[in-house]
C-alpha atoms as a PDB file:
ATOM      1  CA  UNK A   1       7.402 -24.957-139.326  1.00  0.00           C
ATOM      2  CA  UNK A   2       9.573 -27.988-139.630  1.00  0.00           C
ATOM      3  CA  UNK A   3       7.802 -29.669-136.732  1.00  0.00           C
ATOM      4  CA  UNK A   4       7.383 -33.400-137.324  1.00  0.00           C
ATOM      5  CA  UNK A   5       4.128 -33.203-135.349  1.00  0.00           C
ATOM      6  CA  UNK A   6       2.524 -31.301-138.235  1.00  0.00           C
ATOM      7  CA  UNK A   7       1.445 -33.149-141.327  1.00  0.00           C
ATOM      8  CA  UNK A   8       3.015 -32.186-144.631  1.00  0.00           C
ATOM      9  CA  UNK A   9      -0.318 -30.707-145.702  1.00  0.00           C
ATOM     10  CA  UNK A  10      -0.497 -28.552-142.543  1.00  0.00           C
ATOM     11  CA  UNK A  11       3.093 -27.315-143.010  1.00  0.00           C
ATOM     12  CA  UNK A  12       2.399 -26.441-146.642  1.00  0.00           C
ATOM     13  CA  UNK A  13      -0.826 -24.623-145.793  1.00  0.00           C
ATOM     14  CA  UNK A  14       0.738 -22.644-142.941  1.00  0.00           C
ATOM     15  CA  UNK A  15       3.791 -21.815-145.059  1.00  0.00           C
ATOM     16  CA  UNK A  16       1.755 -20.636-148.050  1.00  0.00           C
ATOM     17  CA  UNK A  17       1.842 -16.801-148.128  1.00  0.00           C
ATOM     18  CA  UNK A  18      -1.663 -16.839-149.624  1.00  0.00           C
ATOM     19  CA  UNK A  19      -3.034 -18.073-146.279  1.00  0.00           C
ATOM     20  CA  UNK A  20      -3.413 -16.017-143.133  1.00  0.00           C
ATOM     21  CA  UNK A  21      -2.421 -17.746-139.903  1.00  0.00           C
ATOM     22  CA  UNK A  22      -4.119 -16.605-136.718  1.00  0.00           C
ATOM     23  CA  UNK A  23      -2.827 -17.168-133.182  1.00  0.00           C
ATOM     24  CA  UNK A  24      -5.172 -16.806-130.227  1.00  0.00           C
ATOM     25  CA  UNK A  25      -4.280 -14.938-127.045  1.00  0.00           C
ATOM     26  CA  UNK A  26      -5.322 -18.150-125.295  1.00  0.00           C
ATOM     27  CA  UNK A  27      -2.388 -19.874-127.001  1.00  0.00           C
ATOM     28  CA  UNK A  28      -0.016 -17.306-125.508  1.00  0.00           C
ATOM     29  CA  UNK A  29      -1.619 -17.804-122.096  1.00  0.00           C
ATOM     30  CA  UNK A  30      -1.247 -21.585-122.320  1.00  0.00           C
ATOM     31  CA  UNK A  31       2.385 -21.354-123.461  1.00  0.00           C
ATOM     32  CA  UNK A  32       3.287 -18.933-120.668  1.00  0.00           C
ATOM     33  CA  UNK A  33       1.543 -21.088-118.062  1.00  0.00           C
ATOM     34  CA  UNK A  34       3.266 -24.272-119.264  1.00  0.00           C
ATOM     35  CA  UNK A  35       6.630 -22.514-119.309  1.00  0.00           C
ATOM     36  CA  UNK A  36       6.026 -21.204-115.768  1.00  0.00           C
ATOM     37  CA  UNK A  37       5.259 -24.662-114.348  1.00  0.00           C
ATOM     38  CA  UNK A  38       8.151 -26.319-116.185  1.00  0.00           C
ATOM     39  CA  UNK A  39       6.189 -28.279-118.785  1.00  0.00           C
ATOM     40  CA  UNK A  40       7.621 -26.250-121.672  1.00  0.00           C
ATOM     41  CA  UNK A  41      11.142 -25.266-120.527  1.00  0.00           C
ATOM     42  CA  UNK A  42      12.400 -24.800-124.096  1.00  0.00           C
ATOM     43  CA  UNK A  43       9.958 -21.921-124.598  1.00  0.00           C
ATOM     44  CA  UNK A  44      11.736 -19.289-122.500  1.00  0.00           C
ATOM     45  CA  UNK A  45      12.691 -17.139-125.490  1.00  0.00           C
ATOM     46  CA  UNK A  46       9.271 -17.574-127.066  1.00  0.00           C
ATOM     47  CA  UNK A  47       7.635 -16.663-123.754  1.00  0.00           C
ATOM     48  CA  UNK A  48       9.525 -13.370-123.764  1.00  0.00           C
ATOM     49  CA  UNK A  49       9.488 -12.622-127.510  1.00  0.00           C
ATOM     50  CA  UNK A  50       6.262 -14.187-128.821  1.00  0.00           C
ATOM     51  CA  UNK A  51       5.144 -11.040-130.666  1.00  0.00           C
ATOM     52  CA  UNK A  52       8.431 -10.920-132.578  1.00  0.00           C
ATOM     53  CA  UNK A  53       8.150 -14.595-133.521  1.00  0.00           C
ATOM     54  CA  UNK A  54       4.606 -14.098-134.760  1.00  0.00           C
ATOM     55  CA  UNK A  55       5.645 -11.164-136.963  1.00  0.00           C
ATOM     56  CA  UNK A  56       8.631 -13.090-138.327  1.00  0.00           C
ATOM     57  CA  UNK A  57       6.375 -16.009-139.337  1.00  0.00           C
ATOM     58  CA  UNK A  58       3.678 -13.645-140.715  1.00  0.00           C
ATOM     59  CA  UNK A  59       1.224 -14.904-138.087  1.00  0.00           C
ATOM     60  CA  UNK A  60      -1.467 -12.569-136.809  1.00  0.00           C
ATOM     61  CA  UNK A  61      -2.959 -12.182-133.358  1.00  0.00           C
ATOM     62  CA  UNK A  62      -6.577 -13.289-133.333  1.00  0.00           C
ATOM     63  CA  UNK A  63      -8.669 -10.533-131.769  1.00  0.00           C
ATOM     64  CA  UNK A  64     -10.776 -12.093-129.044  1.00  0.00           C
ATOM     65  CA  UNK A  65     -13.575 -10.133-127.392  1.00  0.00           C
ATOM     66  CA  UNK A  66     -15.062 -10.730-123.972  1.00  0.00           C
ATOM     67  CA  UNK A  67     -18.065 -12.246-125.703  1.00  0.00           C
ATOM     68  CA  UNK A  68     -15.815 -14.700-127.552  1.00  0.00           C
ATOM     69  CA  UNK A  69     -14.094 -15.660-124.300  1.00  0.00           C
ATOM     70  CA  UNK A  70     -17.369 -16.243-122.487  1.00  0.00           C
ATOM     71  CA  UNK A  71     -18.693 -18.418-125.298  1.00  0.00           C
ATOM     72  CA  UNK A  72     -15.431 -20.383-125.426  1.00  0.00           C
ATOM     73  CA  UNK A  73     -15.539 -20.893-121.674  1.00  0.00           C
ATOM     74  CA  UNK A  74     -18.962 -22.472-122.024  1.00  0.00           C
ATOM     75  CA  UNK A  75     -17.739 -25.105-124.475  1.00  0.00           C
ATOM     76  CA  UNK A  76     -17.391 -28.602-123.060  1.00  0.00           C
ATOM     77  CA  UNK A  77     -13.816 -29.729-122.645  1.00  0.00           C
ATOM     78  CA  UNK A  78     -12.326 -32.984-123.864  1.00  0.00           C
ATOM     79  CA  UNK A  79     -13.440 -36.007-121.902  1.00  0.00           C
ATOM     80  CA  UNK A  80     -15.444 -33.906-119.447  1.00  0.00           C
ATOM     81  CA  UNK A  81     -12.372 -31.924-118.327  1.00  0.00           C
ATOM     82  CA  UNK A  82     -13.063 -29.260-115.754  1.00  0.00           C
ATOM     83  CA  UNK A  83     -10.109 -26.991-116.513  1.00  0.00           C
ATOM     84  CA  UNK A  84     -10.287 -23.303-115.725  1.00  0.00           C
ATOM     85  CA  UNK A  85      -7.144 -22.499-117.729  1.00  0.00           C
ATOM     86  CA  UNK A  86      -7.185 -19.832-120.425  1.00  0.00           C
END
């Protein structure tokens, strides 16, 4: 959680044991896809061991139902994007 891309407030909130941190299955899908196409080459270990990393950081998998996925797929993307990715 030492990422400079996160604000100090975000790092403190995520690091606070009083807060639950949820990670979507869509995040795992996006990471794996970006690793596969070479846009995230440093993520090889994470791609293989994501569940272990989540447990180590006390992050929880966000349960997503089919209904959630369908509703999310209906949301407009940024700038009219027509992506069919996770």
